[in-house]
Every structure is written in structure tokens, then in C-alpha cells.
C-alpha atoms as a PDB file:
ATOM      1  CA  MET A   1       1.941   6.856 -71.081  1.00  0.00           C
ATOM      2  CA  ASN A   2      -1.463   8.109 -70.037  1.00  0.00           C
ATOM      3  CA  ALA A   3      -1.491  10.785 -67.351  1.00  0.00           C
ATOM      4  CA  PRO A   4      -2.893   9.599 -64.007  1.00  0.00           C
ATOM      5  CA  LEU A   5      -6.525  10.474 -63.485  1.00  0.00           C
ATOM      6  CA  PRO A   6      -7.612  12.520 -60.452  1.00  0.00           C
ATOM      7  CA  ALA A   7      -8.339  10.149 -57.557  1.00  0.00           C
ATOM      8  CA  TRP A   8     -12.090  10.840 -57.463  1.00  0.00           C
ATOM      9  CA  ARG A   9     -12.465  10.431 -61.228  1.00  0.00           C
ATOM     10  CA  ALA A  10     -10.400   7.251 -61.257  1.00  0.00           C
ATOM     11  CA  ALA A  11     -12.573   5.817 -58.493  1.00  0.00           C
ATOM     12  CA  LEU A  12     -15.703   6.566 -60.524  1.00  0.00           C
ATOM     13  CA  VAL A  13     -14.197   4.873 -63.593  1.00  0.00           C
ATOM     14  CA  VAL A  14     -13.523   1.727 -61.567  1.00  0.00           C
ATOM     15  CA  ALA A  15     -16.967   1.913 -59.945  1.00  0.00           C
ATOM     16  CA  ARG A  16     -18.740   2.231 -63.298  1.00  0.00           C
ATOM     17  CA  ARG A  17     -16.813  -0.747 -64.641  1.00  0.00           C
ATOM     18  CA  ASP A  18     -17.693  -2.909 -61.636  1.00  0.00           C
ATOM     19  CA  ILE A  19     -21.361  -1.874 -61.631  1.00  0.00           C
ATOM     20  CA  GLY A  20     -21.619  -2.903 -65.280  1.00  0.00           C
ATOM     21  CA  ASP A  21     -20.165  -6.302 -64.438  1.00  0.00           C
ATOM     22  CA  ALA A  22     -22.494  -6.740 -61.446  1.00  0.00           C
ATOM     23  CA  ILE A  23     -25.627  -6.122 -63.511  1.00  0.00           C
ATOM     24  CA  THR A  24     -24.834  -9.157 -65.673  1.00  0.00           C
ATOM     25  CA  SER A  25     -23.654 -11.445 -62.859  1.00  0.00           C
ATOM     26  CA  PRO A  26     -26.073 -14.368 -62.208  1.00  0.00           C
ATOM     27  CA  SER A  27     -24.739 -14.917 -58.682  1.00  0.00           C
ATOM     28  CA  LEU A  28     -25.322 -11.312 -57.677  1.00  0.00           C
ATOM     29  CA  LEU A  29     -28.783 -11.220 -59.230  1.00  0.00           C
ATOM     30  CA  LEU A  30     -29.650 -14.445 -57.418  1.00  0.00           C
ATOM     31  CA  SER A  31     -28.425 -13.065 -54.098  1.00  0.00           C
ATOM     32  CA  ALA A  32     -30.584  -9.968 -54.596  1.00  0.00           C
ATOM     33  CA  ALA A  33     -33.619 -12.155 -55.246  1.00  0.00           C
ATOM     34  CA  VAL A  34     -32.892 -14.262 -52.146  1.00  0.00           C
ATOM     35  CA  THR A  35     -32.574 -11.124 -50.011  1.00  0.00           C
ATOM     36  CA  ALA A  36     -35.876  -9.748 -51.272  1.00  0.00           C
ATOM     37  CA  LEU A  37     -37.671 -13.062 -50.769  1.00  0.00           C
ATOM     38  CA  LEU A  38     -36.391 -13.762 -47.263  1.00  0.00           C
ATOM     39  CA  SER A  39     -36.748 -10.199 -46.016  1.00  0.00           C
ATOM     40  CA  GLY A  40     -40.275 -10.038 -47.402  1.00  0.00           C
ATOM     41  CA  GLY A  41     -41.243 -13.264 -45.659  1.00  0.00           C
ATOM     42  CA  LEU A  42     -39.740 -12.084 -42.384  1.00  0.00           C
ATOM     43  CA  TYR A  43     -41.581  -8.768 -42.653  1.00  0.00           C
ATOM     44  CA  VAL A  44     -44.920 -10.496 -43.186  1.00  0.00           C
ATOM     45  CA  VAL A  45     -44.359 -12.670 -40.110  1.00  0.00           C
ATOM     46  CA  VAL A  46     -43.499  -9.645 -37.948  1.00  0.00           C
ATOM     47  CA  LEU A  47     -46.419  -7.654 -39.336  1.00  0.00           C
ATOM     48  CA  HIS A  48     -48.931 -10.336 -38.417  1.00  0.00           C
ATOM     49  CA  SER A  49     -47.474 -11.130 -35.000  1.00  0.00           C
ATOM     50  CA  SER A  50     -47.086  -7.645 -33.517  1.00  0.00           C
ATOM     51  CA  SER A  51     -49.279  -4.616 -32.996  1.00  0.00           C
ATOM     52  CA  GLU A  52     -46.224  -2.520 -32.170  1.00  0.00           C
ATOM     53  CA  ALA A  53     -44.555  -0.618 -34.999  1.00  0.00           C
ATOM     54  CA  TYR A  54     -41.119  -2.031 -34.256  1.00  0.00           C
ATOM     55  CA  LEU A  55     -39.053  -3.487 -37.052  1.00  0.00           C
ATOM     56  CA  GLY A  56     -35.988  -4.222 -34.947  1.00  0.00           C
ATOM     57  CA  THR A  57     -36.477  -7.952 -35.493  1.00  0.00           C
ATOM     58  CA  VAL A  58     -36.507  -7.473 -39.267  1.00  0.00           C
ATOM     59  CA  TYR A  59     -33.421  -5.249 -39.253  1.00  0.00           C
ATOM     60  CA  ARG A  60     -31.570  -7.600 -36.933  1.00  0.00           C
ATOM     61  CA  ASN A  61     -32.281 -10.693 -39.012  1.00  0.00           C
ATOM     62  CA  LEU A  62     -31.483  -8.896 -42.269  1.00  0.00           C
ATOM     63  CA  ALA A  63     -28.122  -7.862 -40.828  1.00  0.00           C
ATOM     64  CA  LEU A  64     -27.491 -11.509 -39.963  1.00  0.00           C
ATOM     65  CA  LEU A  65     -28.597 -12.655 -43.425  1.00  0.00           C
ATOM     66  CA  LEU A  66     -26.216 -10.187 -45.087  1.00  0.00           C
ATOM     67  CA  ILE A  67     -23.287 -11.849 -43.332  1.00  0.00           C
ATOM     68  CA  PHE A  68     -23.767 -14.821 -45.654  1.00  0.00           C
ATOM     69  CA  LEU A  69     -24.641 -12.797 -48.774  1.00  0.00           C
ATOM     70  CA  THR A  70     -21.899 -10.170 -48.522  1.00  0.00           C
ATOM     71  CA  PRO A  71     -19.132 -12.674 -49.445  1.00  0.00           C
ATOM     72  CA  VAL A  72     -20.944 -13.298 -52.741  1.00  0.00           C
ATOM     73  CA  PHE A  73     -20.606  -9.585 -53.518  1.00  0.00           C
ATOM     74  CA  THR A  74     -17.102  -8.969 -52.249  1.00  0.00           C
ATOM     75  CA  MET A  75     -15.250 -12.085 -53.402  1.00  0.00           C
ATOM     76  CA  ARG A  76     -15.607 -10.825 -56.978  1.00  0.00           C
ATOM     77  CA  SER A  77     -14.035  -7.457 -56.212  1.00  0.00           C
ATOM     78  CA  VAL A  78     -10.378  -8.446 -56.321  1.00  0.00           C
ATOM     79  CA  ALA A  79      -9.909 -12.159 -55.631  1.00  0.00           C
ATOM     80  CA  GLU A  80     -12.059 -13.376 -58.524  1.00  0.00           C
ATOM     81  CA  GLU A  81     -10.660 -10.777 -60.915  1.00  0.00           C
ATOM     82  CA  ARG A  82      -7.134 -11.811 -60.051  1.00  0.00           C
ATOM     83  CA  HIS A  83      -8.067 -15.491 -60.384  1.00  0.00           C
ATOM     84  CA  SER A  84      -9.720 -14.982 -63.801  1.00  0.00           C
ATOM     85  CA  GLY A  85      -7.052 -12.608 -65.096  1.00  0.00           C
ATOM     86  CA  THR A  86      -9.293  -9.559 -65.609  1.00  0.00           C
ATOM     87  CA  PHE A  87      -7.454  -7.644 -62.888  1.00  0.00           C
ATOM     88  CA  THR A  88      -4.522  -7.343 -65.302  1.00  0.00           C
ATOM     89  CA  MET A  89      -6.596  -5.047 -67.527  1.00  0.00           C
ATOM     90  CA  LEU A  90      -7.502  -2.911 -64.517  1.00  0.00           C
ATOM     91  CA  ARG A  91      -3.833  -2.505 -63.650  1.00  0.00           C
ATOM     92  CA  LEU A  92      -3.232  -0.994 -67.101  1.00  0.00           C
ATOM     93  CA  LEU A  93      -5.468   1.973 -66.264  1.00  0.00           C
ATOM     94  CA  PRO A  94      -3.744   5.127 -64.934  1.00  0.00           C
ATOM     95  CA  VAL A  95      -5.281   4.722 -61.474  1.00  0.00           C
ATOM     96  CA  SER A  96      -3.810   4.253 -57.999  1.00  0.00           C
ATOM     97  CA  ALA A  97      -4.480   1.385 -55.630  1.00  0.00           C
ATOM     98  CA  GLY A  98      -6.481   3.744 -53.417  1.00  0.00           C
ATOM     99  CA  SER A  99      -8.688   4.757 -56.338  1.00  0.00           C
ATOM    100  CA  ILE A 100      -9.279   1.115 -57.233  1.00  0.00           C
ATOM    101  CA  ALA A 101     -10.249   0.317 -53.639  1.00  0.00           C
ATOM    102  CA  GLY A 102     -12.493   3.386 -53.452  1.00  0.00           C
ATOM    103  CA  GLY A 103     -14.143   2.641 -56.771  1.00  0.00           C
ATOM    104  CA  LYS A 104     -14.802  -0.963 -55.859  1.00  0.00           C
ATOM    105  CA  LEU A 105     -16.291   0.065 -52.509  1.00  0.00           C
ATOM    106  CA  ILE A 106     -18.545   2.581 -54.278  1.00  0.00           C
ATOM    107  CA  ALA A 107     -19.705  -0.106 -56.709  1.00  0.00           C
ATOM    108  CA  LEU A 108     -20.409  -2.515 -53.859  1.00  0.00           C
ATOM    109  CA  GLY A 109     -22.341   0.215 -52.054  1.00  0.00           C
ATOM    110  CA  VAL A 110     -24.450   0.973 -55.122  1.00  0.00           C
ATOM    111  CA  TYR A 111     -25.280  -2.674 -55.603  1.00  0.00           C
ATOM    112  CA  LEU A 112     -26.077  -3.207 -51.945  1.00  0.00           C
ATOM    113  CA  GLY A 113     -28.233  -0.071 -52.039  1.00  0.00           C
ATOM    114  CA  ALA A 114     -30.249  -1.624 -54.833  1.00  0.00           C
ATOM    115  CA  VAL A 115     -30.573  -4.849 -52.839  1.00  0.00           C
ATOM    116  CA  LEU A 116     -31.738  -3.043 -49.689  1.00  0.00           C
ATOM    117  CA  ALA A 117     -33.921  -0.456 -51.425  1.00  0.00           C
ATOM    118  CA  PRO A 118     -37.092  -2.616 -51.230  1.00  0.00           C
ATOM    119  CA  VAL A 119     -36.682  -2.723 -47.441  1.00  0.00           C
ATOM    120  CA  VAL A 120     -37.764   0.957 -47.400  1.00  0.00           C
ATOM    121  CA  VAL A 121     -41.258  -0.285 -48.186  1.00  0.00           C
ATOM    122  CA  TYR A 122     -41.483  -2.077 -44.831  1.00  0.00           C
ATOM    123  CA  PRO A 123     -41.371   0.932 -42.477  1.00  0.00           C
ATOM    124  CA  ILE A 124     -43.607   2.900 -44.840  1.00  0.00           C
ATOM    125  CA  THR A 125     -46.312   0.245 -44.837  1.00  0.00           C
ATOM    126  CA  PHE A 126     -45.825  -0.391 -41.113  1.00  0.00           C
ATOM    127  CA  LEU A 127     -46.702   3.241 -40.501  1.00  0.00           C
ATOM    128  CA  GLN A 128     -49.999   2.667 -42.277  1.00  0.00           C
ATOM    129  CA  VAL A 129     -51.134  -0.553 -40.632  1.00  0.00           C
ATOM    130  CA  ALA A 130     -49.546  -0.820 -37.180  1.00  0.00           C
ATOM    131  CA  GLU A 131     -50.777   0.695 -33.940  1.00  0.00           C
ATOM    132  CA  ARG A 132     -48.771   2.917 -31.577  1.00  0.00           C
ATOM    133  CA  VAL A 133     -46.343   3.888 -34.310  1.00  0.00           C
ATOM    134  CA  ALA A 134     -42.871   5.059 -33.298  1.00  0.00           C
ATOM    135  CA  VAL A 135     -41.302   6.679 -36.359  1.00  0.00           C
ATOM    136  CA  GLY A 136     -37.799   7.137 -34.921  1.00  0.00           C
ATOM    137  CA  PRO A 137     -36.916   3.452 -34.529  1.00  0.00           C
ATOM    138  CA  LEU A 138     -38.189   2.720 -38.048  1.00  0.00           C
ATOM    139  CA  VAL A 139     -36.007   5.337 -39.728  1.00  0.00           C
ATOM    140  CA  VAL A 140     -32.940   5.139 -37.498  1.00  0.00           C
ATOM    141  CA  GLY A 141     -33.074   1.335 -37.476  1.00  0.00           C
ATOM    142  CA  TYR A 142     -33.016   1.265 -41.277  1.00  0.00           C
ATOM    143  CA  ALA A 143     -30.060   3.673 -41.302  1.00  0.00           C
ATOM    144  CA  GLY A 144     -28.272   1.406 -38.835  1.00  0.00           C
ATOM    145  CA  LEU A 145     -28.858  -1.602 -41.088  1.00  0.00           C
ATOM    146  CA  VAL A 146     -27.339   0.264 -44.036  1.00  0.00           C
ATOM    147  CA  ALA A 147     -24.365   1.444 -41.957  1.00  0.00           C
ATOM    148  CA  VAL A 148     -23.594  -2.073 -40.746  1.00  0.00           C
ATOM    149  CA  ALA A 149     -23.944  -3.387 -44.305  1.00  0.00           C
ATOM    150  CA  VAL A 150     -21.312  -0.873 -45.464  1.00  0.00           C
ATOM    151  CA  VAL A 151     -18.988  -2.176 -42.740  1.00  0.00           C
ATOM    152  CA  TYR A 152     -19.553  -5.708 -44.071  1.00  0.00           C
ATOM    153  CA  LEU A 153     -18.657  -4.586 -47.579  1.00  0.00           C
ATOM    154  CA  ALA A 154     -15.483  -2.815 -46.473  1.00  0.00           C
ATOM    155  CA  ILE A 155     -14.284  -5.836 -44.495  1.00  0.00           C
ATOM    156  CA  GLY A 156     -15.152  -8.163 -47.368  1.00  0.00           C
ATOM    157  CA  LEU A 157     -13.281  -5.968 -49.848  1.00  0.00           C
ATOM    158  CA  ALA A 158     -10.182  -5.970 -47.646  1.00  0.00           C
ATOM    159  CA  ILE A 159     -10.228  -9.765 -47.371  1.00  0.00           C
ATOM    160  CA  SER A 160     -10.822 -10.113 -51.120  1.00  0.00           C
ATOM    161  CA  ALA A 161      -7.796  -7.906 -51.805  1.00  0.00           C
ATOM    162  CA  TRP A 162      -5.524 -10.257 -49.851  1.00  0.00           C
ATOM    163  CA  ALA A 163      -7.099 -13.663 -50.529  1.00  0.00           C
ATOM    164  CA  PRO A 164      -5.457 -15.937 -53.129  1.00  0.00           C
ATOM    165  CA  HIS A 165      -8.777 -17.342 -54.398  1.00  0.00           C
ATOM    166  CA  PRO A 166     -12.395 -16.078 -54.493  1.00  0.00           C
ATOM    167  CA  PHE A 167     -13.715 -18.994 -52.453  1.00  0.00           C
ATOM    168  CA  VAL A 168     -11.054 -18.382 -49.826  1.00  0.00           C
ATOM    169  CA  ALA A 169     -12.146 -14.742 -49.742  1.00  0.00           C
ATOM    170  CA  ALA A 170     -15.800 -15.747 -49.359  1.00  0.00           C
ATOM    171  CA  PHE A 171     -15.045 -18.215 -46.574  1.00  0.00           C
ATOM    172  CA  PHE A 172     -12.915 -15.844 -44.525  1.00  0.00           C
ATOM    173  CA  THR A 173     -15.324 -12.949 -45.030  1.00  0.00           C
ATOM    174  CA  ALA A 174     -18.242 -14.997 -43.726  1.00  0.00           C
ATOM    175  CA  THR A 175     -16.128 -16.336 -40.859  1.00  0.00           C
ATOM    176  CA  VAL A 176     -14.878 -12.914 -39.743  1.00  0.00           C
ATOM    177  CA  LEU A 177     -18.317 -11.277 -39.992  1.00  0.00           C
ATOM    178  CA  LEU A 178     -19.997 -14.108 -38.103  1.00  0.00           C
ATOM    179  CA  ALA A 179     -17.331 -13.989 -35.387  1.00  0.00           C
ATOM    180  CA  LEU A 180     -17.887 -10.253 -34.979  1.00  0.00           C
ATOM    181  CA  TRP A 181     -21.646 -10.785 -34.843  1.00  0.00           C
ATOM    182  CA  LEU A 182     -21.324 -13.406 -32.102  1.00  0.00           C
ATOM    183  CA  ALA A 183     -19.017 -11.155 -30.082  1.00  0.00           C
ATOM    184  CA  ASP A 184     -22.105  -9.493 -28.601  1.00  0.00           C
ATOM    185  CA  ASP A 185     -23.400 -12.838 -27.327  1.00  0.00           C
ATOM    186  CA  LEU A 186     -19.981 -13.656 -25.912  1.00  0.00           C
ATOM    187  CA  SER A 187     -19.786 -10.307 -24.156  1.00  0.00           C
ATOM    188  CA  GLY A 188     -22.946 -11.188 -22.251  1.00  0.00           C
ATOM    189  CA  ALA A 189     -21.047 -13.976 -20.494  1.00  0.00           C
ATOM    190  CA  MET A 190     -18.294 -11.599 -19.419  1.00  0.00           C
ATOM    191  CA  GLY A 191     -18.226  -8.611 -17.177  1.00  0.00           C
ATOM    192  CA  GLY A 192     -16.564  -5.249 -16.740  1.00  0.00           C
ATOM    193  CA  SER A 193     -14.828  -3.174 -19.379  1.00  0.00           C
ATOM    194  CA  ALA A 194     -13.816  -6.229 -21.413  1.00  0.00           C
ATOM    195  CA  SER A 195     -17.479  -7.042 -21.976  1.00  0.00           C
ATOM    196  CA  ARG A 196     -18.252  -3.515 -23.172  1.00  0.00           C
ATOM    197  CA  MET A 197     -15.267  -3.454 -25.508  1.00  0.00           C
ATOM    198  CA  LEU A 198     -16.215  -6.792 -27.035  1.00  0.00           C
ATOM    199  CA  ALA A 199     -19.811  -5.670 -27.541  1.00  0.00           C
ATOM    200  CA  GLN A 200     -18.583  -2.563 -29.376  1.00  0.00           C
ATOM    201  CA  LEU A 201     -16.969  -4.811 -31.992  1.00  0.00           C
ATOM    202  CA  SER A 202     -20.249  -6.572 -32.769  1.00  0.00           C
ATOM    203  CA  PRO A 203     -22.547  -5.437 -35.610  1.00  0.00           C
ATOM    204  CA  GLN A 204     -25.377  -7.139 -33.711  1.00  0.00           C
ATOM    205  CA  HIS A 205     -24.916  -4.724 -30.812  1.00  0.00           C
ATOM    206  CA  HIS A 206     -25.054  -1.680 -33.074  1.00  0.00           C
ATOM    207  CA  VAL A 207     -28.050  -2.839 -35.131  1.00  0.00           C
ATOM    208  CA  ASP A 208     -30.001  -3.408 -31.923  1.00  0.00           C
ATOM    209  CA  ALA A 209     -28.973  -0.002 -30.600  1.00  0.00           C
ATOM    210  CA  TRP A 210     -30.041   1.889 -33.732  1.00  0.00           C
ATOM    211  CA  ALA A 211     -33.348   0.008 -33.848  1.00  0.00           C
ATOM    212  CA  THR A 212     -34.354   1.750 -30.598  1.00  0.00           C
ATOM    213  CA  GLY A 213     -34.329   5.071 -32.433  1.00  0.00           C
ATOM    214  CA  VAL A 214     -31.058   6.320 -30.931  1.00  0.00           C
ATOM    215  CA  VAL A 215     -27.687   6.699 -32.646  1.00  0.00           C
ATOM    216  CA  PRO A 216     -24.994   6.090 -30.000  1.00  0.00           C
ATOM    217  CA  LEU A 217     -21.653   7.808 -30.518  1.00  0.00           C
ATOM    218  CA  GLY A 218     -19.948   4.441 -30.092  1.00  0.00           C
ATOM    219  CA  SER A 219     -21.857   3.080 -33.100  1.00  0.00           C
ATOM    220  CA  VAL A 220     -20.764   5.987 -35.276  1.00  0.00           C
ATOM    221  CA  VAL A 221     -17.149   5.497 -34.195  1.00  0.00           C
ATOM    222  CA  PHE A 222     -17.429   1.769 -34.926  1.00  0.00           C
ATOM    223  CA  VAL A 223     -18.735   2.313 -38.464  1.00  0.00           C
ATOM    224  CA  VAL A 224     -16.237   5.032 -39.394  1.00  0.00           C
ATOM    225  CA  THR A 225     -13.257   3.197 -37.889  1.00  0.00           C
ATOM    226  CA  ALA A 226     -14.146  -0.181 -39.401  1.00  0.00           C
ATOM    227  CA  VAL A 227     -14.660   1.272 -42.880  1.00  0.00           C
ATOM    228  CA  ALA A 228     -11.488   3.389 -42.742  1.00  0.00           C
ATOM    229  CA  LEU A 229      -9.264   0.542 -41.517  1.00  0.00           C
ATOM    230  CA  SER A 230     -10.765  -1.919 -44.000  1.00  0.00           C
ATOM    231  CA  ALA A 231     -10.338   0.529 -46.887  1.00  0.00           C
ATOM    232  CA  ALA A 232      -6.690   1.018 -45.917  1.00  0.00           C
ATOM    233  CA  ALA A 233      -6.158  -2.750 -45.773  1.00  0.00           C
ATOM    234  CA  ALA A 234      -7.863  -3.161 -49.169  1.00  0.00           C
ATOM    235  CA  THR A 235      -5.649  -0.449 -50.673  1.00  0.00           C
ATOM    236  CA  ALA A 236      -2.517  -2.173 -49.340  1.00  0.00           C
ATOM    237  CA  GLY A 237      -3.677  -5.528 -50.704  1.00  0.00           C
ATOM    238  CA  ILE A 238      -4.433  -4.081 -54.134  1.00  0.00           C
ATOM    239  CA  ALA A 239      -1.069  -2.282 -54.223  1.00  0.00           C
ATOM    240  CA  ARG A 240       0.623  -5.577 -53.396  1.00  0.00           C
ATOM    241  CA  VAL A 241      -1.165  -7.323 -56.284  1.00  0.00           C
ATOM    242  CA  SER A 242      -0.444  -4.465 -58.689  1.00  0.00           C
ATOM    243  CA  SER A 243       3.279  -4.549 -57.919  1.00  0.00           C
ATOM    244  CA  LYS A 244       3.647  -8.159 -59.023  1.00  0.00           C
END
């Protein structure tokens, strides 16, 4: 029997495998093209309608768009592999459930990084053409978009690890992410501490906050907690599948 690999090395093995699969996936390539096309169109509209160097509208709408694209990425992670039978080969590797979850999250992050990389062009060009430039909101807002996207991926991975079918995983991922997004709107109709707590659960709230150029402590706590809890849930789901 092969000796177990160190956790970090096992995660990289899984990540490299998944990245190779993603490069040849038509659905993932199509989603990347859709993201680039829609974000580019939105950027052009904002650029021509505002003299203020504020890309909060672009970041906000991209975060909303990713709610519907993230399930395309994450449903393949575990649910589709289990459905197609390729997860059986992964179980034969000397790796733990935690390493599989970590590797898959790394692969998703690399792919999402490639999808969002062209967005870097927007603040750079905005600095060149817009008046009354505020650099902080451009940079911090982009970082907030990336952070929220990582939360999406972690939640989607956790749901994929427990879902019986890839389409079920995609549906529940989109539903959960959209519900969290709308929590900020719902909190506006409430009052007191309940309203603040509900807003803290909403990616919309945090994207808007980072787009002002400030990184609230609550947003950092939200990102770290959501990713950690989702990774733990994904690990438990993968361990459950591997034990069968």
C-alpha cells in the first residue's frame, strides 16, 4: 500500500489534477467567456456614464453574476465526479478527505483567478481616463470581489460534496448564494441587532463595504468564517463518500 502523502503535497496533487480537467472543460471555458463579455460590457457602460473613478457598481454586479456562474465551477468538484464514476479513481490515491477538499478548493481558486484576472484591467484604465481618481476604492473593492468569490467557491464545494447529483449541487448552490445576497435587502426592512446580523451574512453588504476603500473587521471575519466552515463541511462530505 502506498504511504500517505503529506497533506499539503496531497492537496497539490488533487489541485493539479482538477486544473488539468478544467482547462479542457467546455462548460468552464464558456463560463469564463461569458464573465469576460458581461463584465466588459458593464465596465464600458460605467466608464461612459460617470466622471468619478468608482467601480463599486462593476464589482457589485460581478459579485451578483458570479452567484450564477459559481455553480458551474463547483458542481464538477465532487458531485459530477461521483456521478460519472471518476471519484473512484481519486479515492485510490493515498490522500485524506481534507487534502481532497483543500486541493479542490485550490483548483477552483486558480480557475476563478484566471476568470477574474481581466477585471484588473478596469481599475488600471479607470485611473488613466477618469477624473477625481480615488485609488483606495479601486484596489480594495477588487480585493473584496475576490474575497467574496472565494466564499462562493467554498460554499459551492461543500454543497457539491453532499449533493447526490451535479444538477442538484448547482441548484442548491445558486439558491443558497442568492438567498445570502438578498439577506442585505431583507435586513433593510428590519431594525435593531437582528438587521445588523442579517446584513453581516450577505456578500452584497461586504462587497459594497470594500468598494468604499475600507476593509471592515466584520467583513474579514465573514470571509474567514464562511470559508473555514464550508471547507469543514466539504471535508465531512468527501469523507462520507469515500467511506462507501
